[in-house]
Amino acid sequence: MGLVIHECGVAVSKMIVGGTPSHGGRWPWVASLRLTWANRHVCGGTLVHPQWVVTAAHCVFGSQFEKASDWRAILGETHAGNAGAQMQREVDLIVRHPEFVNGGNYPNDIAMMRLNKAVDVAGLYIRHACLPERDANFQPEDSCWIMGWGETKEFHAQGVLQELKVTVRKNNACAARWGWKRILNSHICVGNGDIGACNGDSGGPLVCSRRGYYYLVGVTSWGVSGCQTSGYPSVFTRTSFYHDWMEDIIQTYSKR
């Protein structure tokens, strides 16, 4: 008997710079990724399947970060390090995009982490986000949010999950600021650079609501140094561009 996959993208209840503290159950797919030897939050991730978390490839690049057994995914909490965390899972496989480049404009900055044991995604506090179709196109008028436990620049207490509503930027407008060769079709940009994703938010989600369901539209990738330079949008990996790759990884490597 195969794994039963419950409905995706549904929140039961309704480090980000300039955001506000989130509430339990509002973003039930967000994962805090931690290294056992660091004993702290390192990157964000998004549960997209009971066995799989999507994150940024640069989070799991380098000899100190590539060993799956060194990673833990914490799910169902809003305070990083809270002893009342809902669930912890070990990671037993990391699949980094084979064409990722760790530098420049970080092309193909996406990776998938398999949990050693599937989680129940039918509860209140842990659910999985939907993956957008390959041709899905999200616009400035869509309702989109980012969230994470990273640097807050003293807007709010770090270590508390922050949320921020953001506006998706068209790629040509983003490229006009960053340079035409730096922004790829596999990127999606949000905001204006003054508030948004910061250090520690890497790998975390950009989600957008459509027809009542939340889709993982982007994975936090890169932005301006210091996180607060107006005019330079935050750059995310566009997940729809990698739809087939992600589905293939899930189909090929999921435990039965």
C-alpha atoms as a PDB file:
ATOM      1  CA  MET A   1       0.000   0.000   0.000  1.00  0.00           C
ATOM      2  CA  GLY A   2       1.424   3.375  -1.045  1.00  0.00           C
ATOM      3  CA  LEU A   3       1.810   6.499   1.035  1.00  0.00           C
ATOM      4  CA  VAL A   4      -1.422   8.512   1.330  1.00  0.00           C
ATOM      5  CA  ILE A   5      -0.811  12.153   0.344  1.00  0.00           C
ATOM      6  CA  HIS A   6      -3.287  14.575   1.876  1.00  0.00           C
ATOM      7  CA  GLU A   7      -4.349  17.864   0.328  1.00  0.00           C
ATOM      8  CA  CYS A   8      -1.472  20.314  -0.118  1.00  0.00           C
ATOM      9  CA  GLY A   9      -1.247  24.056   0.439  1.00  0.00           C
ATOM     10  CA  VAL A  10      -3.897  24.382   3.151  1.00  0.00           C
ATOM     11  CA  ALA A  11      -3.191  26.329   6.338  1.00  0.00           C
ATOM     12  CA  VAL A  12      -5.748  25.468   8.987  1.00  0.00           C
ATOM     13  CA  SER A  13      -5.337  28.710  10.891  1.00  0.00           C
ATOM     14  CA  LYS A  14      -4.774  31.915   9.526  1.00  0.00           C
ATOM     15  CA  MET A  15      14.920  36.051   9.341  1.00  0.00           C
ATOM     16  CA  ILE A  16      12.704  38.404   7.735  1.00  0.00           C
ATOM     17  CA  VAL A  17      13.515  42.094   7.903  1.00  0.00           C
ATOM     18  CA  GLY A  18      10.505  44.301   8.630  1.00  0.00           C
ATOM     19  CA  GLY A  19       8.146  41.381   9.089  1.00  0.00           C
ATOM     20  CA  THR A  20       5.906  40.476  11.983  1.00  0.00           C
ATOM     21  CA  PRO A  21       5.932  37.393  14.248  1.00  0.00           C
ATOM     22  CA  SER A  22       3.926  34.483  12.878  1.00  0.00           C
ATOM     23  CA  HIS A  23       1.495  32.206  14.707  1.00  0.00           C
ATOM     24  CA  GLY A  24       1.473  28.428  14.982  1.00  0.00           C
ATOM     25  CA  GLY A  25      -0.357  26.722  12.128  1.00  0.00           C
ATOM     26  CA  ARG A  26      -0.275  29.722   9.824  1.00  0.00           C
ATOM     27  CA  TRP A  27       2.628  28.397   7.734  1.00  0.00           C
ATOM     28  CA  PRO A  28       2.578  24.661   8.522  1.00  0.00           C
ATOM     29  CA  TRP A  29       5.049  23.692   5.765  1.00  0.00           C
ATOM     30  CA  VAL A  30       8.001  25.768   6.995  1.00  0.00           C
ATOM     31  CA  ALA A  31      11.034  23.802   8.188  1.00  0.00           C
ATOM     32  CA  SER A  32      13.989  24.939  10.287  1.00  0.00           C
ATOM     33  CA  LEU A  33      17.065  23.091   9.047  1.00  0.00           C
ATOM     34  CA  ARG A  34      19.787  22.522  11.624  1.00  0.00           C
ATOM     35  CA  LEU A  35      23.206  20.892  11.733  1.00  0.00           C
ATOM     36  CA  THR A  36      23.859  18.570  14.634  1.00  0.00           C
ATOM     37  CA  TRP A  37      27.399  19.908  15.106  1.00  0.00           C
ATOM     38  CA  ALA A  38      26.242  23.551  15.006  1.00  0.00           C
ATOM     39  CA  ASN A  39      23.185  22.991  17.243  1.00  0.00           C
ATOM     40  CA  ARG A  40      21.357  25.987  15.780  1.00  0.00           C
ATOM     41  CA  HIS A  41      19.134  27.083  12.925  1.00  0.00           C
ATOM     42  CA  VAL A  42      21.140  27.285   9.688  1.00  0.00           C
ATOM     43  CA  CYS A  43      18.691  27.505   6.777  1.00  0.00           C
ATOM     44  CA  GLY A  44      15.005  27.394   6.019  1.00  0.00           C
ATOM     45  CA  GLY A  45      13.121  24.814   4.009  1.00  0.00           C
ATOM     46  CA  THR A  46       9.648  23.911   2.818  1.00  0.00           C
ATOM     47  CA  LEU A  47       7.834  20.615   3.227  1.00  0.00           C
ATOM     48  CA  VAL A  48       6.352  19.722  -0.190  1.00  0.00           C
ATOM     49  CA  HIS A  49       5.697  16.016   0.436  1.00  0.00           C
ATOM     50  CA  PRO A  50       5.515  13.909   3.614  1.00  0.00           C
ATOM     51  CA  GLN A  51       9.113  12.779   2.945  1.00  0.00           C
ATOM     52  CA  TRP A  52      10.671  15.802   1.218  1.00  0.00           C
ATOM     53  CA  VAL A  53      11.843  19.310   2.086  1.00  0.00           C
ATOM     54  CA  VAL A  54      12.952  21.800  -0.579  1.00  0.00           C
ATOM     55  CA  THR A  55      15.786  24.198   0.283  1.00  0.00           C
ATOM     56  CA  ALA A  56      18.566  26.168  -1.425  1.00  0.00           C
ATOM     57  CA  ALA A  57      21.503  24.263  -2.896  1.00  0.00           C
ATOM     58  CA  HIS A  58      23.959  26.735  -1.361  1.00  0.00           C
ATOM     59  CA  CYS A  59      22.766  25.629   2.101  1.00  0.00           C
ATOM     60  CA  VAL A  60      24.060  22.108   1.462  1.00  0.00           C
ATOM     61  CA  PHE A  61      27.197  22.943  -0.536  1.00  0.00           C
ATOM     62  CA  GLY A  62      30.705  22.307   0.779  1.00  0.00           C
ATOM     63  CA  SER A  63      32.338  19.487   2.700  1.00  0.00           C
ATOM     64  CA  GLN A  64      30.889  20.591   6.052  1.00  0.00           C
ATOM     65  CA  PHE A  65      27.314  20.733   4.769  1.00  0.00           C
ATOM     66  CA  GLU A  66      26.862  17.850   2.346  1.00  0.00           C
ATOM     67  CA  LYS A  67      26.489  14.932   4.769  1.00  0.00           C
ATOM     68  CA  ALA A  68      22.782  14.146   5.081  1.00  0.00           C
ATOM     69  CA  SER A  69      23.082  12.570   8.534  1.00  0.00           C
ATOM     70  CA  ASP A  70      24.368  15.881   9.948  1.00  0.00           C
ATOM     71  CA  TRP A  71      21.052  17.599   9.208  1.00  0.00           C
ATOM     72  CA  ARG A  72      17.771  17.745  11.121  1.00  0.00           C
ATOM     73  CA  ALA A  73      14.468  19.242   9.964  1.00  0.00           C
ATOM     74  CA  ILE A  74      12.283  20.814  12.658  1.00  0.00           C
ATOM     75  CA  LEU A  75       8.634  21.116  11.651  1.00  0.00           C
ATOM     76  CA  GLY A  76       5.568  22.670  13.225  1.00  0.00           C
ATOM     77  CA  GLU A  77       7.137  25.405  15.341  1.00  0.00           C
ATOM     78  CA  THR A  78       7.311  29.197  15.277  1.00  0.00           C
ATOM     79  CA  HIS A  79      10.186  29.708  17.745  1.00  0.00           C
ATOM     80  CA  ALA A  80      13.550  28.299  16.658  1.00  0.00           C
ATOM     81  CA  GLY A  81      14.992  26.263  19.498  1.00  0.00           C
ATOM     82  CA  ASN A  82      11.685  25.995  21.348  1.00  0.00           C
ATOM     83  CA  ALA A  83      11.649  22.851  23.476  1.00  0.00           C
ATOM     84  CA  GLY A  84       8.010  22.408  22.499  1.00  0.00           C
ATOM     85  CA  ALA A  85       8.836  21.843  18.819  1.00  0.00           C
ATOM     86  CA  GLN A  86       6.175  19.702  17.206  1.00  0.00           C
ATOM     87  CA  MET A  87       8.397  17.300  15.291  1.00  0.00           C
ATOM     88  CA  GLN A  88      12.000  16.554  14.379  1.00  0.00           C
ATOM     89  CA  ARG A  89      13.159  14.378  11.508  1.00  0.00           C
ATOM     90  CA  GLU A  90      16.615  13.251  10.490  1.00  0.00           C
ATOM     91  CA  VAL A  91      17.670  13.736   6.865  1.00  0.00           C
ATOM     92  CA  ASP A  92      18.921  10.624   5.086  1.00  0.00           C
ATOM     93  CA  LEU A  93      19.405  11.890   1.515  1.00  0.00           C
ATOM     94  CA  ILE A  94      20.319  15.224  -0.052  1.00  0.00           C
ATOM     95  CA  VAL A  95      19.832  15.770  -3.782  1.00  0.00           C
ATOM     96  CA  ARG A  96      21.387  19.020  -4.959  1.00  0.00           C
ATOM     97  CA  HIS A  97      20.638  20.262  -8.464  1.00  0.00           C
ATOM     98  CA  PRO A  98      23.488  18.920 -10.635  1.00  0.00           C
ATOM     99  CA  GLU A  99      23.994  22.262 -12.409  1.00  0.00           C
ATOM    100  CA  PHE A 100      24.123  24.456  -9.306  1.00  0.00           C
ATOM    101  CA  VAL A 101      26.950  27.021  -9.251  1.00  0.00           C
ATOM    102  CA  ASN A 102      27.991  28.332  -5.827  1.00  0.00           C
ATOM    103  CA  GLY A 103      28.700  31.945  -6.728  1.00  0.00           C
ATOM    104  CA  GLY A 104      27.797  34.832  -9.003  1.00  0.00           C
ATOM    105  CA  ASN A 105      24.055  34.744  -9.529  1.00  0.00           C
ATOM    106  CA  TYR A 106      23.759  31.239  -7.993  1.00  0.00           C
ATOM    107  CA  PRO A 107      22.086  29.463 -10.930  1.00  0.00           C
ATOM    108  CA  ASN A 108      20.021  26.352 -10.115  1.00  0.00           C
ATOM    109  CA  ASP A 109      20.073  27.114  -6.386  1.00  0.00           C
ATOM    110  CA  ILE A 110      17.745  24.353  -5.312  1.00  0.00           C
ATOM    111  CA  ALA A 111      18.087  21.076  -3.401  1.00  0.00           C
ATOM    112  CA  MET A 112      15.825  18.432  -1.919  1.00  0.00           C
ATOM    113  CA  MET A 113      16.234  16.696   1.429  1.00  0.00           C
ATOM    114  CA  ARG A 114      14.567  13.358   2.136  1.00  0.00           C
ATOM    115  CA  LEU A 115      13.339  12.804   5.682  1.00  0.00           C
ATOM    116  CA  ASN A 116      14.210   9.462   7.248  1.00  0.00           C
ATOM    117  CA  LYS A 117      10.568   8.964   8.167  1.00  0.00           C
ATOM    118  CA  ALA A 118       7.468  10.442   6.564  1.00  0.00           C
ATOM    119  CA  VAL A 119       5.504  12.976   8.584  1.00  0.00           C
ATOM    120  CA  ASP A 120       1.750  13.152   9.075  1.00  0.00           C
ATOM    121  CA  VAL A 121       0.558  16.114   6.986  1.00  0.00           C
ATOM    122  CA  ALA A 122      -3.101  15.925   8.029  1.00  0.00           C
ATOM    123  CA  GLY A 123      -2.803  17.782  11.330  1.00  0.00           C
ATOM    124  CA  LEU A 124      -3.051  21.426  12.348  1.00  0.00           C
ATOM    125  CA  TYR A 125       0.606  22.393  12.577  1.00  0.00           C
ATOM    126  CA  ILE A 126       2.391  20.320   9.943  1.00  0.00           C
ATOM    127  CA  ARG A 127       1.236  20.287   6.334  1.00  0.00           C
ATOM    128  CA  HIS A 128       2.906  20.488   2.941  1.00  0.00           C
ATOM    129  CA  ALA A 129       2.803  23.272   0.368  1.00  0.00           C
ATOM    130  CA  CYS A 130       1.752  22.640  -3.219  1.00  0.00           C
ATOM    131  CA  LEU A 131       4.299  22.595  -6.025  1.00  0.00           C
ATOM    132  CA  PRO A 132       3.360  24.878  -8.935  1.00  0.00           C
ATOM    133  CA  GLU A 133       2.989  23.455 -12.406  1.00  0.00           C
ATOM    134  CA  ARG A 134       5.804  23.929 -14.901  1.00  0.00           C
ATOM    135  CA  ASP A 135       4.053  26.781 -16.725  1.00  0.00           C
ATOM    136  CA  ALA A 136       2.671  28.528 -13.602  1.00  0.00           C
ATOM    137  CA  ASN A 137       3.247  32.284 -13.722  1.00  0.00           C
ATOM    138  CA  PHE A 138       2.776  34.401 -10.598  1.00  0.00           C
ATOM    139  CA  GLN A 139       2.222  38.151 -10.913  1.00  0.00           C
ATOM    140  CA  PRO A 140       2.489  41.312  -8.752  1.00  0.00           C
ATOM    141  CA  GLU A 141      -1.230  41.115  -8.025  1.00  0.00           C
ATOM    142  CA  ASP A 142      -0.929  37.665  -6.419  1.00  0.00           C
ATOM    143  CA  SER A 143      -0.990  37.397  -2.604  1.00  0.00           C
ATOM    144  CA  CYS A 144       2.512  36.236  -1.697  1.00  0.00           C
ATOM    145  CA  TRP A 145       4.467  35.842   1.540  1.00  0.00           C
ATOM    146  CA  ILE A 146       7.975  35.055   2.698  1.00  0.00           C
ATOM    147  CA  MET A 147       8.898  33.703   6.121  1.00  0.00           C
ATOM    148  CA  GLY A 148      11.961  32.674   8.084  1.00  0.00           C
ATOM    149  CA  TRP A 149      14.019  32.694  11.279  1.00  0.00           C
ATOM    150  CA  GLY A 150      16.940  34.719   9.931  1.00  0.00           C
ATOM    151  CA  GLU A 151      18.421  38.115  10.756  1.00  0.00           C
ATOM    152  CA  THR A 152      15.749  40.731  11.541  1.00  0.00           C
ATOM    153  CA  LYS A 153      17.977  43.832  11.832  1.00  0.00           C
ATOM    154  CA  GLU A 154      16.356  44.406  15.239  1.00  0.00           C
ATOM    155  CA  PHE A 155      12.833  44.800  13.844  1.00  0.00           C
ATOM    156  CA  HIS A 156      11.749  41.880  16.034  1.00  0.00           C
ATOM    157  CA  ALA A 157      13.336  39.220  18.232  1.00  0.00           C
ATOM    158  CA  GLN A 158      15.463  36.866  16.156  1.00  0.00           C
ATOM    159  CA  GLY A 159      14.600  33.197  16.596  1.00  0.00           C
ATOM    160  CA  VAL A 160      10.859  33.838  16.178  1.00  0.00           C
ATOM    161  CA  LEU A 161       9.416  32.906  12.794  1.00  0.00           C
ATOM    162  CA  GLN A 162       8.806  36.131  10.886  1.00  0.00           C
ATOM    163  CA  GLU A 163       6.361  36.617   8.044  1.00  0.00           C
ATOM    164  CA  LEU A 164       6.159  39.373   5.454  1.00  0.00           C
ATOM    165  CA  LYS A 165       3.717  39.996   2.627  1.00  0.00           C
ATOM    166  CA  VAL A 166       5.643  40.765  -0.546  1.00  0.00           C
ATOM    167  CA  THR A 167       5.062  41.832  -4.136  1.00  0.00           C
ATOM    168  CA  VAL A 168       6.406  39.694  -6.951  1.00  0.00           C
ATOM    169  CA  ARG A 169       8.470  41.740  -9.402  1.00  0.00           C
ATOM    170  CA  LYS A 170       8.539  41.065 -13.119  1.00  0.00           C
ATOM    171  CA  ASN A 171      11.908  39.669 -14.158  1.00  0.00           C
ATOM    172  CA  ASN A 172      12.669  42.505 -16.562  1.00  0.00           C
ATOM    173  CA  ALA A 173      12.164  45.076 -13.793  1.00  0.00           C
ATOM    174  CA  CYS A 174      14.396  43.013 -11.493  1.00  0.00           C
ATOM    175  CA  ALA A 175      17.066  42.668 -14.186  1.00  0.00           C
ATOM    176  CA  ALA A 176      17.024  46.420 -14.765  1.00  0.00           C
ATOM    177  CA  ARG A 177      18.328  46.794 -11.202  1.00  0.00           C
ATOM    178  CA  TRP A 178      20.612  43.778 -10.869  1.00  0.00           C
ATOM    179  CA  GLY A 179      21.858  43.565 -14.456  1.00  0.00           C
ATOM    180  CA  TRP A 180      20.429  41.737 -17.425  1.00  0.00           C
ATOM    181  CA  LYS A 181      22.864  38.835 -17.268  1.00  0.00           C
ATOM    182  CA  ARG A 182      22.339  38.180 -13.543  1.00  0.00           C
ATOM    183  CA  ILE A 183      18.579  37.539 -13.547  1.00  0.00           C
ATOM    184  CA  LEU A 184      17.678  34.262 -15.230  1.00  0.00           C
ATOM    185  CA  ASN A 185      14.375  32.718 -16.266  1.00  0.00           C
ATOM    186  CA  SER A 186      14.892  30.369 -13.301  1.00  0.00           C
ATOM    187  CA  HIS A 187      14.786  33.347 -10.901  1.00  0.00           C
ATOM    188  CA  ILE A 188      11.821  35.176  -9.388  1.00  0.00           C
ATOM    189  CA  CYS A 189      12.235  38.492  -7.556  1.00  0.00           C
ATOM    190  CA  VAL A 190      10.211  40.124  -4.796  1.00  0.00           C
ATOM    191  CA  GLY A 191      10.162  43.406  -2.935  1.00  0.00           C
ATOM    192  CA  ASN A 192      12.446  46.404  -3.198  1.00  0.00           C
ATOM    193  CA  GLY A 193      15.410  45.400  -1.036  1.00  0.00           C
ATOM    194  CA  ASP A 194      14.651  47.584   1.984  1.00  0.00           C
ATOM    195  CA  ILE A 195      12.786  44.816   3.835  1.00  0.00           C
ATOM    196  CA  GLY A 196      12.722  41.103   3.064  1.00  0.00           C
ATOM    197  CA  ALA A 197      14.869  37.991   3.291  1.00  0.00           C
ATOM    198  CA  CYS A 198      18.195  38.157   5.138  1.00  0.00           C
ATOM    199  CA  ASN A 199      20.979  35.962   6.536  1.00  0.00           C
ATOM    200  CA  GLY A 200      19.542  32.714   7.908  1.00  0.00           C
ATOM    201  CA  ASP A 201      16.479  32.889   5.663  1.00  0.00           C
ATOM    202  CA  SER A 202      18.294  31.057   2.827  1.00  0.00           C
ATOM    203  CA  GLY A 203      16.348  28.095   1.509  1.00  0.00           C
ATOM    204  CA  GLY A 204      13.087  29.314   3.012  1.00  0.00           C
ATOM    205  CA  PRO A 205       9.824  29.723   1.144  1.00  0.00           C
ATOM    206  CA  LEU A 206       8.134  32.283  -1.019  1.00  0.00           C
ATOM    207  CA  VAL A 207       4.525  31.122  -1.122  1.00  0.00           C
ATOM    208  CA  CYS A 208       1.608  32.540  -3.081  1.00  0.00           C
ATOM    209  CA  SER A 209      -2.090  31.873  -2.666  1.00  0.00           C
ATOM    210  CA  ARG A 210      -4.184  30.862  -5.637  1.00  0.00           C
ATOM    211  CA  ARG A 211      -7.754  29.569  -5.458  1.00  0.00           C
ATOM    212  CA  GLY A 212      -7.368  29.081  -1.712  1.00  0.00           C
ATOM    213  CA  TYR A 213      -4.183  26.986  -1.889  1.00  0.00           C
ATOM    214  CA  TYR A 214      -0.611  28.013  -1.124  1.00  0.00           C
ATOM    215  CA  TYR A 215       2.082  27.166  -3.664  1.00  0.00           C
ATOM    216  CA  LEU A 216       5.829  27.149  -3.124  1.00  0.00           C
ATOM    217  CA  VAL A 217       6.716  29.721  -5.769  1.00  0.00           C
ATOM    218  CA  GLY A 218      10.309  30.479  -4.771  1.00  0.00           C
ATOM    219  CA  VAL A 219      13.246  29.383  -2.623  1.00  0.00           C
ATOM    220  CA  THR A 220      15.250  32.138  -0.900  1.00  0.00           C
ATOM    221  CA  SER A 221      18.538  32.411  -2.793  1.00  0.00           C
ATOM    222  CA  TRP A 222      20.401  35.758  -2.761  1.00  0.00           C
ATOM    223  CA  GLY A 223      20.133  39.519  -2.423  1.00  0.00           C
ATOM    224  CA  VAL A 224      22.079  42.628  -1.554  1.00  0.00           C
ATOM    225  CA  SER A 225      24.704  42.421   1.198  1.00  0.00           C
ATOM    226  CA  GLY A 226      23.294  43.848   4.425  1.00  0.00           C
ATOM    227  CA  CYS A 227      19.688  43.088   3.366  1.00  0.00           C
ATOM    228  CA  GLN A 228      18.520  46.715   3.480  1.00  0.00           C
ATOM    229  CA  THR A 229      19.483  48.464   0.255  1.00  0.00           C
ATOM    230  CA  SER A 230      16.419  49.988  -1.370  1.00  0.00           C
ATOM    231  CA  GLY A 231      15.991  49.370  -5.077  1.00  0.00           C
ATOM    232  CA  TYR A 232      17.437  45.854  -5.212  1.00  0.00           C
ATOM    233  CA  PRO A 233      14.792  43.106  -4.980  1.00  0.00           C
ATOM    234  CA  SER A 234      15.451  39.805  -3.205  1.00  0.00           C
ATOM    235  CA  VAL A 235      16.137  36.973  -5.654  1.00  0.00           C
ATOM    236  CA  PHE A 236      14.564  33.535  -5.292  1.00  0.00           C
ATOM    237  CA  THR A 237      14.854  30.291  -7.224  1.00  0.00           C
ATOM    238  CA  ARG A 238      11.692  29.937  -9.318  1.00  0.00           C
ATOM    239  CA  THR A 239      10.303  26.515  -8.407  1.00  0.00           C
ATOM    240  CA  SER A 240       7.999  26.158 -11.430  1.00  0.00           C
ATOM    241  CA  PHE A 241      11.157  26.112 -13.577  1.00  0.00           C
ATOM    242  CA  TYR A 242      12.226  22.958 -11.713  1.00  0.00           C
ATOM    243  CA  HIS A 243       8.832  21.240 -11.545  1.00  0.00           C
ATOM    244  CA  ASP A 244       9.855  18.208 -13.606  1.00  0.00           C
ATOM    245  CA  TRP A 245      13.167  17.820 -11.758  1.00  0.00           C
ATOM    246  CA  MET A 246      11.500  17.903  -8.341  1.00  0.00           C
ATOM    247  CA  GLU A 247       8.746  15.491  -9.331  1.00  0.00           C
ATOM    248  CA  ASP A 248      11.347  13.119 -10.764  1.00  0.00           C
ATOM    249  CA  ILE A 249      13.354  13.183  -7.515  1.00  0.00           C
ATOM    250  CA  ILE A 250      10.209  12.497  -5.472  1.00  0.00           C
ATOM    251  CA  GLN A 251       9.125   9.640  -7.724  1.00  0.00           C
ATOM    252  CA  THR A 252      12.591   8.090  -7.934  1.00  0.00           C
ATOM    253  CA  TYR A 253      13.841   8.329  -4.358  1.00  0.00           C
ATOM    254  CA  SER A 254      10.774   8.262  -2.095  1.00  0.00           C
ATOM    255  CA  LYS A 255      10.559   5.342   0.289  1.00  0.00           C
ATOM    256  CA  ARG A 256       7.660   2.994  -0.376  1.00  0.00           C
END
